[in-house]
């Protein structure tokens, strides 16, 4: 059996030792928490430096997404779990179908709970899932690799670029400075330095990744008209907490008292946008739904622009 060569990753930023935490084993709990908080503050500075490339990726994928395209997050270990997490939180927040933002993780869904680290070494590991999606030019794939070297991610991006003119827009998110791979149309680098615990990218790199994915998906949803002012108006009230939030949103946008907001929500089938349009346009549910559909679901096209 031929041994697989093990690359030396000592030069990768996320693998290097942090000189500020070499005495970690000697610290008491308060000192550990303080040190980690100081290091976590560096994440926001790294995100500031990544703003331009992050916005460029969103701008590149937004037109295709608006035409019905999909966004696929692709990663291994922590990176993959964070992609699946962001994808899973979009449908309840914005009433987006589950197949529009998709998270793929090396080792499959079982790797969400039980580590499957060996799966990240297979550069063809993601291909069956990607082939099943039948991606096209309106779709986008963001590979997530803390150190920028994960074979599972890089192999998938390379295979996608080989698919010709119908290839999706591709991007790579790395928490270490790397050259943009030929297979990646976009490179987002959020370099927040070596980890407090050497190589443990569930720490700063994981935090940075979560924040980047938050920005990408939220910006896409704003572009889709699923936000009015700073309110998640496409949310549907399906439990007590969400009914409370929905009623408060309806109250903010209509000026109605709380009991009336609940009654209006019930008449609107729990849909905030529909409830607001019903009141502001003095119409029934069916008419409000038709008007929203004609406006592309964008509430601002039916209401006054003043917030």
C-alpha atoms as a PDB file:
ATOM      1  CA  UNK A   1       0.000   0.000   0.000  1.00  0.00           C
ATOM      2  CA  UNK A   2       1.526   3.306  -1.111  1.00  0.00           C
ATOM      3  CA  UNK A   3       1.601   5.978   1.545  1.00  0.00           C
ATOM      4  CA  UNK A   4      -0.118   9.239   0.630  1.00  0.00           C
ATOM      5  CA  UNK A   5       2.382  12.116   0.765  1.00  0.00           C
ATOM      6  CA  UNK A   6       1.722  14.469   3.671  1.00  0.00           C
ATOM      7  CA  UNK A   7       2.301  18.100   2.675  1.00  0.00           C
ATOM      8  CA  UNK A   8       4.172  20.339   5.087  1.00  0.00           C
ATOM      9  CA  UNK A   9       1.720  23.079   6.040  1.00  0.00           C
ATOM     10  CA  UNK A  10       4.013  24.878   8.478  1.00  0.00           C
ATOM     11  CA  UNK A  11       3.885  28.000   6.341  1.00  0.00           C
ATOM     12  CA  UNK A  12       0.078  28.258   6.489  1.00  0.00           C
ATOM     13  CA  UNK A  13      -0.942  31.086   8.797  1.00  0.00           C
ATOM     14  CA  UNK A  14      -3.672  29.105  10.539  1.00  0.00           C
ATOM     15  CA  UNK A  15      -1.126  26.376  11.414  1.00  0.00           C
ATOM     16  CA  UNK A  16       1.456  28.672  12.957  1.00  0.00           C
ATOM     17  CA  UNK A  17       1.997  29.156  16.687  1.00  0.00           C
ATOM     18  CA  UNK A  18       0.653  32.300  18.291  1.00  0.00           C
ATOM     19  CA  UNK A  19       3.441  33.988  20.289  1.00  0.00           C
ATOM     20  CA  UNK A  20       0.864  35.551  22.606  1.00  0.00           C
ATOM     21  CA  UNK A  21      -0.488  32.208  23.792  1.00  0.00           C
ATOM     22  CA  UNK A  22       2.632  30.071  24.322  1.00  0.00           C
ATOM     23  CA  UNK A  23       1.926  30.010  28.079  1.00  0.00           C
ATOM     24  CA  UNK A  24      -1.687  28.910  27.584  1.00  0.00           C
ATOM     25  CA  UNK A  25      -1.285  25.812  29.755  1.00  0.00           C
ATOM     26  CA  UNK A  26      -0.262  27.963  32.732  1.00  0.00           C
ATOM     27  CA  UNK A  27      -3.201  30.374  32.671  1.00  0.00           C
ATOM     28  CA  UNK A  28      -6.208  30.393  34.976  1.00  0.00           C
ATOM     29  CA  UNK A  29      -9.743  30.572  33.526  1.00  0.00           C
ATOM     30  CA  UNK A  30      -9.994  34.368  33.706  1.00  0.00           C
ATOM     31  CA  UNK A  31      -6.658  34.822  31.948  1.00  0.00           C
ATOM     32  CA  UNK A  32      -7.657  32.318  29.242  1.00  0.00           C
ATOM     33  CA  UNK A  33     -10.951  34.095  28.619  1.00  0.00           C
ATOM     34  CA  UNK A  34      -9.220  37.495  28.515  1.00  0.00           C
ATOM     35  CA  UNK A  35      -6.584  36.257  26.081  1.00  0.00           C
ATOM     36  CA  UNK A  36      -9.184  34.711  23.799  1.00  0.00           C
ATOM     37  CA  UNK A  37     -11.256  37.899  23.840  1.00  0.00           C
ATOM     38  CA  UNK A  38      -8.202  39.927  22.843  1.00  0.00           C
ATOM     39  CA  UNK A  39      -7.526  37.549  19.966  1.00  0.00           C
ATOM     40  CA  UNK A  40     -11.163  37.520  18.888  1.00  0.00           C
ATOM     41  CA  UNK A  41     -11.032  41.300  18.499  1.00  0.00           C
ATOM     42  CA  UNK A  42      -8.597  40.741  15.617  1.00  0.00           C
ATOM     43  CA  UNK A  43     -11.338  38.988  13.649  1.00  0.00           C
ATOM     44  CA  UNK A  44     -13.255  42.217  13.060  1.00  0.00           C
ATOM     45  CA  UNK A  45     -10.155  43.958  11.762  1.00  0.00           C
ATOM     46  CA  UNK A  46      -9.612  41.059   9.369  1.00  0.00           C
ATOM     47  CA  UNK A  47     -13.197  41.390   8.145  1.00  0.00           C
ATOM     48  CA  UNK A  48     -12.687  45.085   7.487  1.00  0.00           C
ATOM     49  CA  UNK A  49      -9.736  44.254   5.242  1.00  0.00           C
ATOM     50  CA  UNK A  50     -11.884  41.691   3.392  1.00  0.00           C
ATOM     51  CA  UNK A  51     -14.866  43.977   2.766  1.00  0.00           C
ATOM     52  CA  UNK A  52     -14.053  44.799  -0.858  1.00  0.00           C
ATOM     53  CA  UNK A  53     -13.544  41.205  -1.976  1.00  0.00           C
ATOM     54  CA  UNK A  54     -16.545  40.054   0.030  1.00  0.00           C
ATOM     55  CA  UNK A  55     -18.801  42.662  -1.563  1.00  0.00           C
ATOM     56  CA  UNK A  56     -17.426  41.805  -5.016  1.00  0.00           C
ATOM     57  CA  UNK A  57     -18.424  38.163  -4.546  1.00  0.00           C
ATOM     58  CA  UNK A  58     -21.953  39.131  -3.480  1.00  0.00           C
ATOM     59  CA  UNK A  59     -22.289  41.506  -6.430  1.00  0.00           C
ATOM     60  CA  UNK A  60     -21.138  38.797  -8.842  1.00  0.00           C
ATOM     61  CA  UNK A  61     -23.578  36.141  -7.663  1.00  0.00           C
ATOM     62  CA  UNK A  62     -26.624  38.342  -6.972  1.00  0.00           C
ATOM     63  CA  UNK A  63     -27.896  38.613 -10.598  1.00  0.00           C
ATOM     64  CA  UNK A  64     -27.882  34.859 -11.099  1.00  0.00           C
ATOM     65  CA  UNK A  65     -29.468  34.317  -7.702  1.00  0.00           C
ATOM     66  CA  UNK A  66     -32.225  36.769  -8.615  1.00  0.00           C
ATOM     67  CA  UNK A  67     -32.939  34.645 -11.705  1.00  0.00           C
ATOM     68  CA  UNK A  68     -33.472  31.601  -9.508  1.00  0.00           C
ATOM     69  CA  UNK A  69     -29.893  30.413  -9.137  1.00  0.00           C
ATOM     70  CA  UNK A  70     -28.516  28.709  -6.068  1.00  0.00           C
ATOM     71  CA  UNK A  71     -25.636  29.318  -3.692  1.00  0.00           C
ATOM     72  CA  UNK A  72     -23.691  26.280  -2.506  1.00  0.00           C
ATOM     73  CA  UNK A  73     -21.330  26.370   0.452  1.00  0.00           C
ATOM     74  CA  UNK A  74     -18.669  23.670   0.351  1.00  0.00           C
ATOM     75  CA  UNK A  75     -16.253  22.760   3.132  1.00  0.00           C
ATOM     76  CA  UNK A  76     -14.794  20.170   5.484  1.00  0.00           C
ATOM     77  CA  UNK A  77     -14.822  20.041   9.282  1.00  0.00           C
ATOM     78  CA  UNK A  78     -15.678  23.336  10.956  1.00  0.00           C
ATOM     79  CA  UNK A  79     -15.804  25.121   7.601  1.00  0.00           C
ATOM     80  CA  UNK A  80     -18.357  22.665   6.266  1.00  0.00           C
ATOM     81  CA  UNK A  81     -20.450  22.762   9.426  1.00  0.00           C
ATOM     82  CA  UNK A  82     -20.642  26.541   9.326  1.00  0.00           C
ATOM     83  CA  UNK A  83     -21.748  26.438   5.694  1.00  0.00           C
ATOM     84  CA  UNK A  84     -24.517  23.970   6.524  1.00  0.00           C
ATOM     85  CA  UNK A  85     -25.511  26.112   9.514  1.00  0.00           C
ATOM     86  CA  UNK A  86     -25.887  29.299   7.490  1.00  0.00           C
ATOM     87  CA  UNK A  87     -27.791  27.501   4.745  1.00  0.00           C
ATOM     88  CA  UNK A  88     -30.180  25.907   7.248  1.00  0.00           C
ATOM     89  CA  UNK A  89     -31.020  29.212   8.920  1.00  0.00           C
ATOM     90  CA  UNK A  90     -32.110  31.022   5.753  1.00  0.00           C
ATOM     91  CA  UNK A  91     -35.474  29.284   5.067  1.00  0.00           C
ATOM     92  CA  UNK A  92     -37.097  30.072   8.452  1.00  0.00           C
ATOM     93  CA  UNK A  93     -35.707  33.613   8.526  1.00  0.00           C
ATOM     94  CA  UNK A  94     -36.570  34.630   4.976  1.00  0.00           C
ATOM     95  CA  UNK A  95     -39.077  32.039   3.705  1.00  0.00           C
ATOM     96  CA  UNK A  96     -36.627  30.916   1.049  1.00  0.00           C
ATOM     97  CA  UNK A  97     -36.946  27.352  -0.298  1.00  0.00           C
ATOM     98  CA  UNK A  98     -34.414  24.942   1.203  1.00  0.00           C
ATOM     99  CA  UNK A  99     -32.839  24.234  -2.180  1.00  0.00           C
ATOM    100  CA  UNK A 100     -31.689  27.817  -2.877  1.00  0.00           C
ATOM    101  CA  UNK A 101     -28.791  28.031  -0.398  1.00  0.00           C
ATOM    102  CA  UNK A 102     -27.199  24.638   0.176  1.00  0.00           C
ATOM    103  CA  UNK A 103     -24.437  23.471   2.498  1.00  0.00           C
ATOM    104  CA  UNK A 104     -22.227  20.499   1.566  1.00  0.00           C
ATOM    105  CA  UNK A 105     -19.773  19.011   4.054  1.00  0.00           C
ATOM    106  CA  UNK A 106     -17.031  16.452   3.473  1.00  0.00           C
ATOM    107  CA  UNK A 107     -18.255  13.101   4.779  1.00  0.00           C
ATOM    108  CA  UNK A 108     -21.933  13.993   4.312  1.00  0.00           C
ATOM    109  CA  UNK A 109     -24.492  15.077   6.877  1.00  0.00           C
ATOM    110  CA  UNK A 110     -23.198  12.521   9.362  1.00  0.00           C
ATOM    111  CA  UNK A 111     -20.060  14.639   9.665  1.00  0.00           C
ATOM    112  CA  UNK A 112     -22.114  17.407  11.253  1.00  0.00           C
ATOM    113  CA  UNK A 113     -22.169  15.490  14.533  1.00  0.00           C
ATOM    114  CA  UNK A 114     -19.356  12.979  14.193  1.00  0.00           C
ATOM    115  CA  UNK A 115     -16.011  14.116  12.840  1.00  0.00           C
ATOM    116  CA  UNK A 116     -15.034  12.739   9.437  1.00  0.00           C
ATOM    117  CA  UNK A 117     -11.736  14.536   8.986  1.00  0.00           C
ATOM    118  CA  UNK A 118     -10.284  12.026   6.533  1.00  0.00           C
ATOM    119  CA  UNK A 119     -12.933  12.956   3.981  1.00  0.00           C
ATOM    120  CA  UNK A 120     -11.326  16.346   3.417  1.00  0.00           C
ATOM    121  CA  UNK A 121      -8.306  14.748   1.712  1.00  0.00           C
ATOM    122  CA  UNK A 122     -10.360  13.477  -1.238  1.00  0.00           C
ATOM    123  CA  UNK A 123     -10.319  16.071  -4.051  1.00  0.00           C
ATOM    124  CA  UNK A 124     -13.209  14.247  -5.742  1.00  0.00           C
ATOM    125  CA  UNK A 125     -15.258  13.782  -2.595  1.00  0.00           C
ATOM    126  CA  UNK A 126     -17.772  16.534  -3.386  1.00  0.00           C
ATOM    127  CA  UNK A 127     -18.299  15.615  -7.027  1.00  0.00           C
ATOM    128  CA  UNK A 128     -21.271  13.222  -6.651  1.00  0.00           C
ATOM    129  CA  UNK A 129     -23.261  15.793  -4.661  1.00  0.00           C
ATOM    130  CA  UNK A 130     -22.343  18.598  -7.059  1.00  0.00           C
ATOM    131  CA  UNK A 131     -23.229  16.522 -10.108  1.00  0.00           C
ATOM    132  CA  UNK A 132     -26.630  15.740  -8.583  1.00  0.00           C
ATOM    133  CA  UNK A 133     -27.326  19.470  -8.279  1.00  0.00           C
ATOM    134  CA  UNK A 134     -26.749  20.026 -12.040  1.00  0.00           C
ATOM    135  CA  UNK A 135     -25.341  23.482 -11.460  1.00  0.00           C
ATOM    136  CA  UNK A 136     -25.415  26.135 -14.172  1.00  0.00           C
ATOM    137  CA  UNK A 137     -24.241  29.657 -14.898  1.00  0.00           C
ATOM    138  CA  UNK A 138     -26.812  31.268 -12.576  1.00  0.00           C
ATOM    139  CA  UNK A 139     -25.536  29.240  -9.626  1.00  0.00           C
ATOM    140  CA  UNK A 140     -22.582  29.968  -7.350  1.00  0.00           C
ATOM    141  CA  UNK A 141     -20.277  27.818  -5.232  1.00  0.00           C
ATOM    142  CA  UNK A 142     -18.223  29.148  -2.333  1.00  0.00           C
ATOM    143  CA  UNK A 143     -15.482  26.835  -1.164  1.00  0.00           C
ATOM    144  CA  UNK A 144     -14.611  27.374   2.492  1.00  0.00           C
ATOM    145  CA  UNK A 145     -11.141  26.358   3.658  1.00  0.00           C
ATOM    146  CA  UNK A 146      -9.606  27.951   6.745  1.00  0.00           C
ATOM    147  CA  UNK A 147      -6.056  27.370   5.546  1.00  0.00           C
ATOM    148  CA  UNK A 148      -6.935  27.610   1.874  1.00  0.00           C
ATOM    149  CA  UNK A 149      -5.498  24.175   1.054  1.00  0.00           C
ATOM    150  CA  UNK A 150      -8.295  21.630   1.623  1.00  0.00           C
ATOM    151  CA  UNK A 151      -8.275  19.075  -1.253  1.00  0.00           C
ATOM    152  CA  UNK A 152     -12.030  18.436  -0.918  1.00  0.00           C
ATOM    153  CA  UNK A 153     -12.663  22.118  -1.631  1.00  0.00           C
ATOM    154  CA  UNK A 154      -9.985  22.825  -4.217  1.00  0.00           C
ATOM    155  CA  UNK A 155     -10.786  19.656  -6.147  1.00  0.00           C
ATOM    156  CA  UNK A 156     -14.449  20.581  -6.320  1.00  0.00           C
ATOM    157  CA  UNK A 157     -13.703  24.091  -7.599  1.00  0.00           C
ATOM    158  CA  UNK A 158     -11.361  22.717 -10.255  1.00  0.00           C
ATOM    159  CA  UNK A 159     -13.971  20.223 -11.438  1.00  0.00           C
ATOM    160  CA  UNK A 160     -16.611  22.938 -11.679  1.00  0.00           C
ATOM    161  CA  UNK A 161     -14.398  25.147 -13.819  1.00  0.00           C
ATOM    162  CA  UNK A 162     -13.834  22.217 -16.169  1.00  0.00           C
ATOM    163  CA  UNK A 163     -17.577  22.147 -16.886  1.00  0.00           C
ATOM    164  CA  UNK A 164     -17.271  24.900 -19.508  1.00  0.00           C
ATOM    165  CA  UNK A 165     -19.387  28.003 -20.202  1.00  0.00           C
ATOM    166  CA  UNK A 166     -22.254  26.761 -18.030  1.00  0.00           C
ATOM    167  CA  UNK A 167     -20.002  26.662 -14.966  1.00  0.00           C
ATOM    168  CA  UNK A 168     -21.266  28.428 -11.852  1.00  0.00           C
ATOM    169  CA  UNK A 169     -19.543  31.446 -10.346  1.00  0.00           C
ATOM    170  CA  UNK A 170     -16.915  30.153  -7.935  1.00  0.00           C
ATOM    171  CA  UNK A 171     -15.241  31.610  -4.878  1.00  0.00           C
ATOM    172  CA  UNK A 172     -12.817  30.553  -2.177  1.00  0.00           C
ATOM    173  CA  UNK A 173     -12.999  31.799   1.407  1.00  0.00           C
ATOM    174  CA  UNK A 174      -9.727  31.380   3.289  1.00  0.00           C
ATOM    175  CA  UNK A 175      -8.553  32.586   6.694  1.00  0.00           C
ATOM    176  CA  UNK A 176      -4.940  32.479   5.536  1.00  0.00           C
ATOM    177  CA  UNK A 177      -3.295  34.502   2.759  1.00  0.00           C
ATOM    178  CA  UNK A 178      -3.231  32.343  -0.378  1.00  0.00           C
ATOM    179  CA  UNK A 179      -2.992  32.935  -4.097  1.00  0.00           C
ATOM    180  CA  UNK A 180      -6.320  32.845  -5.885  1.00  0.00           C
ATOM    181  CA  UNK A 181      -6.701  29.381  -7.405  1.00  0.00           C
ATOM    182  CA  UNK A 182      -7.258  29.359 -11.160  1.00  0.00           C
ATOM    183  CA  UNK A 183     -10.557  27.588 -10.516  1.00  0.00           C
ATOM    184  CA  UNK A 184     -11.875  30.366  -8.242  1.00  0.00           C
ATOM    185  CA  UNK A 185     -13.380  33.462  -9.829  1.00  0.00           C
ATOM    186  CA  UNK A 186     -13.229  35.209  -6.464  1.00  0.00           C
ATOM    187  CA  UNK A 187     -10.964  34.995  -3.430  1.00  0.00           C
ATOM    188  CA  UNK A 188     -12.020  36.230   0.005  1.00  0.00           C
ATOM    189  CA  UNK A 189      -9.196  36.270   2.556  1.00  0.00           C
ATOM    190  CA  UNK A 190     -10.047  36.933   6.183  1.00  0.00           C
ATOM    191  CA  UNK A 191      -6.626  36.547   7.800  1.00  0.00           C
ATOM    192  CA  UNK A 192      -7.037  36.904  11.562  1.00  0.00           C
ATOM    193  CA  UNK A 193      -3.716  35.336  12.529  1.00  0.00           C
ATOM    194  CA  UNK A 194      -2.598  32.176  14.314  1.00  0.00           C
ATOM    195  CA  UNK A 195      -5.029  30.586  16.743  1.00  0.00           C
ATOM    196  CA  UNK A 196      -4.729  30.720  20.540  1.00  0.00           C
ATOM    197  CA  UNK A 197      -4.624  26.922  20.376  1.00  0.00           C
ATOM    198  CA  UNK A 198      -2.298  26.155  17.487  1.00  0.00           C
ATOM    199  CA  UNK A 199      -4.146  24.919  14.419  1.00  0.00           C
ATOM    200  CA  UNK A 200      -7.597  24.914  16.058  1.00  0.00           C
ATOM    201  CA  UNK A 201      -9.481  26.745  13.322  1.00  0.00           C
ATOM    202  CA  UNK A 202     -12.798  26.328  15.127  1.00  0.00           C
ATOM    203  CA  UNK A 203     -11.644  29.436  17.040  1.00  0.00           C
ATOM    204  CA  UNK A 204     -10.834  32.728  15.236  1.00  0.00           C
ATOM    205  CA  UNK A 205     -11.058  31.239  11.760  1.00  0.00           C
ATOM    206  CA  UNK A 206     -14.424  29.702  12.606  1.00  0.00           C
ATOM    207  CA  UNK A 207     -15.696  33.006  13.983  1.00  0.00           C
ATOM    208  CA  UNK A 208     -14.485  34.847  10.893  1.00  0.00           C
ATOM    209  CA  UNK A 209     -16.115  32.285   8.606  1.00  0.00           C
ATOM    210  CA  UNK A 210     -19.457  32.594  10.411  1.00  0.00           C
ATOM    211  CA  UNK A 211     -19.360  36.377  10.053  1.00  0.00           C
ATOM    212  CA  UNK A 212     -18.474  36.215   6.353  1.00  0.00           C
ATOM    213  CA  UNK A 213     -21.300  33.786   5.607  1.00  0.00           C
ATOM    214  CA  UNK A 214     -23.703  35.958   7.613  1.00  0.00           C
ATOM    215  CA  UNK A 215     -22.764  38.907   5.409  1.00  0.00           C
ATOM    216  CA  UNK A 216     -23.106  36.984   2.143  1.00  0.00           C
ATOM    217  CA  UNK A 217     -26.501  35.454   2.831  1.00  0.00           C
ATOM    218  CA  UNK A 218     -27.957  38.572   4.462  1.00  0.00           C
ATOM    219  CA  UNK A 219     -26.809  40.798   1.592  1.00  0.00           C
ATOM    220  CA  UNK A 220     -28.380  38.368  -0.893  1.00  0.00           C
ATOM    221  CA  UNK A 221     -31.668  38.397   1.013  1.00  0.00           C
ATOM    222  CA  UNK A 222     -31.709  42.199   1.128  1.00  0.00           C
ATOM    223  CA  UNK A 223     -31.215  42.167  -2.635  1.00  0.00           C
ATOM    224  CA  UNK A 224     -34.096  39.729  -2.986  1.00  0.00           C
ATOM    225  CA  UNK A 225     -36.472  42.136  -1.248  1.00  0.00           C
ATOM    226  CA  UNK A 226     -36.849  39.964   1.824  1.00  0.00           C
ATOM    227  CA  UNK A 227     -35.947  42.863   4.102  1.00  0.00           C
ATOM    228  CA  UNK A 228     -37.751  46.182   4.552  1.00  0.00           C
ATOM    229  CA  UNK A 229     -35.903  48.800   6.581  1.00  0.00           C
ATOM    230  CA  UNK A 230     -34.059  46.477   8.986  1.00  0.00           C
ATOM    231  CA  UNK A 231     -36.996  44.106   9.473  1.00  0.00           C
ATOM    232  CA  UNK A 232     -37.203  40.460   8.347  1.00  0.00           C
ATOM    233  CA  UNK A 233     -40.595  41.014   6.762  1.00  0.00           C
ATOM    234  CA  UNK A 234     -40.671  37.694   4.904  1.00  0.00           C
ATOM    235  CA  UNK A 235     -40.645  35.787   8.173  1.00  0.00           C
ATOM    236  CA  UNK A 236     -43.776  33.721   8.792  1.00  0.00           C
ATOM    237  CA  UNK A 237     -45.200  33.546  12.317  1.00  0.00           C
ATOM    238  CA  UNK A 238     -45.172  29.828  13.169  1.00  0.00           C
ATOM    239  CA  UNK A 239     -44.603  29.837  16.952  1.00  0.00           C
ATOM    240  CA  UNK A 240     -45.165  32.126  19.939  1.00  0.00           C
ATOM    241  CA  UNK A 241     -41.808  33.898  19.694  1.00  0.00           C
ATOM    242  CA  UNK A 242     -42.228  34.519  15.983  1.00  0.00           C
ATOM    243  CA  UNK A 243     -45.850  35.642  16.400  1.00  0.00           C
ATOM    244  CA  UNK A 244     -44.673  38.226  18.894  1.00  0.00           C
ATOM    245  CA  UNK A 245     -41.932  39.426  16.545  1.00  0.00           C
ATOM    246  CA  UNK A 246     -44.294  39.474  13.577  1.00  0.00           C
ATOM    247  CA  UNK A 247     -46.910  41.473  15.478  1.00  0.00           C
ATOM    248  CA  UNK A 248     -44.289  44.011  16.507  1.00  0.00           C
ATOM    249  CA  UNK A 249     -43.152  44.364  12.885  1.00  0.00           C
ATOM    250  CA  UNK A 250     -46.724  44.878  11.707  1.00  0.00           C
ATOM    251  CA  UNK A 251     -47.178  47.464  14.453  1.00  0.00           C
ATOM    252  CA  UNK A 252     -43.998  49.286  13.425  1.00  0.00           C
ATOM    253  CA  UNK A 253     -45.147  49.515   9.797  1.00  0.00           C
ATOM    254  CA  UNK A 254     -48.843  50.227  10.356  1.00  0.00           C
ATOM    255  CA  UNK A 255     -49.096  52.008  13.701  1.00  0.00           C
ATOM    256  CA  UNK A 256     -51.858  49.593  14.748  1.00  0.00           C
ATOM    257  CA  UNK A 257     -52.282  48.448  18.388  1.00  0.00           C
ATOM    258  CA  UNK A 258     -50.927  45.020  19.301  1.00  0.00           C
ATOM    259  CA  UNK A 259     -54.281  43.133  19.446  1.00  0.00           C
ATOM    260  CA  UNK A 260     -55.214  44.447  15.995  1.00  0.00           C
ATOM    261  CA  UNK A 261     -51.812  43.369  14.642  1.00  0.00           C
ATOM    262  CA  UNK A 262     -52.439  39.795  15.760  1.00  0.00           C
ATOM    263  CA  UNK A 263     -55.869  39.786  14.137  1.00  0.00           C
ATOM    264  CA  UNK A 264     -54.412  41.176  10.919  1.00  0.00           C
ATOM    265  CA  UNK A 265     -51.639  38.565  10.933  1.00  0.00           C
ATOM    266  CA  UNK A 266     -54.205  35.789  11.344  1.00  0.00           C
ATOM    267  CA  UNK A 267     -56.178  37.160   8.399  1.00  0.00           C
ATOM    268  CA  UNK A 268     -52.936  37.251   6.379  1.00  0.00           C
ATOM    269  CA  UNK A 269     -52.056  33.639   7.121  1.00  0.00           C
ATOM    270  CA  UNK A 270     -49.178  34.715   9.370  1.00  0.00           C
ATOM    271  CA  UNK A 271     -47.355  36.576   6.587  1.00  0.00           C
ATOM    272  CA  UNK A 272     -46.001  39.945   7.710  1.00  0.00           C
ATOM    273  CA  UNK A 273     -45.749  41.488   4.240  1.00  0.00           C
ATOM    274  CA  UNK A 274     -49.286  40.467   3.371  1.00  0.00           C
ATOM    275  CA  UNK A 275     -50.633  41.836   6.646  1.00  0.00           C
ATOM    276  CA  UNK A 276     -48.931  45.197   6.122  1.00  0.00           C
ATOM    277  CA  UNK A 277     -50.172  45.524   2.543  1.00  0.00           C
ATOM    278  CA  UNK A 278     -53.704  44.550   3.558  1.00  0.00           C
ATOM    279  CA  UNK A 279     -53.796  47.429   6.001  1.00  0.00           C
ATOM    280  CA  UNK A 280     -51.845  50.043   4.068  1.00  0.00           C
ATOM    281  CA  UNK A 281     -53.718  49.369   0.811  1.00  0.00           C
ATOM    282  CA  UNK A 282     -57.081  48.598   2.466  1.00  0.00           C
ATOM    283  CA  UNK A 283     -57.485  45.291   0.636  1.00  0.00           C
ATOM    284  CA  UNK A 284     -58.131  41.632   1.358  1.00  0.00           C
ATOM    285  CA  UNK A 285     -55.513  38.882   1.573  1.00  0.00           C
ATOM    286  CA  UNK A 286     -55.863  37.663  -2.005  1.00  0.00           C
ATOM    287  CA  UNK A 287     -55.474  41.182  -3.398  1.00  0.00           C
ATOM    288  CA  UNK A 288     -52.461  41.877  -1.171  1.00  0.00           C
ATOM    289  CA  UNK A 289     -50.807  38.649  -2.290  1.00  0.00           C
ATOM    290  CA  UNK A 290     -51.399  39.509  -5.953  1.00  0.00           C
ATOM    291  CA  UNK A 291     -49.985  42.994  -5.518  1.00  0.00           C
ATOM    292  CA  UNK A 292     -46.922  41.649  -3.731  1.00  0.00           C
ATOM    293  CA  UNK A 293     -46.375  39.111  -6.487  1.00  0.00           C
ATOM    294  CA  UNK A 294     -46.641  41.838  -9.132  1.00  0.00           C
ATOM    295  CA  UNK A 295     -44.087  43.887  -7.177  1.00  0.00           C
ATOM    296  CA  UNK A 296     -41.643  40.987  -7.081  1.00  0.00           C
ATOM    297  CA  UNK A 297     -42.270  40.564  -3.376  1.00  0.00           C
ATOM    298  CA  UNK A 298     -40.669  43.931  -2.652  1.00  0.00           C
ATOM    299  CA  UNK A 299     -42.627  45.746   0.015  1.00  0.00           C
ATOM    300  CA  UNK A 300     -40.995  49.099  -0.741  1.00  0.00           C
ATOM    301  CA  UNK A 301     -42.614  49.119  -4.173  1.00  0.00           C
ATOM    302  CA  UNK A 302     -46.045  49.184  -2.529  1.00  0.00           C
ATOM    303  CA  UNK A 303     -45.397  51.453   0.445  1.00  0.00           C
ATOM    304  CA  UNK A 304     -44.141  54.954   0.952  1.00  0.00           C
ATOM    305  CA  UNK A 305     -40.352  55.121   0.915  1.00  0.00           C
ATOM    306  CA  UNK A 306     -40.153  56.998   4.198  1.00  0.00           C
ATOM    307  CA  UNK A 307     -39.038  54.795   7.067  1.00  0.00           C
END
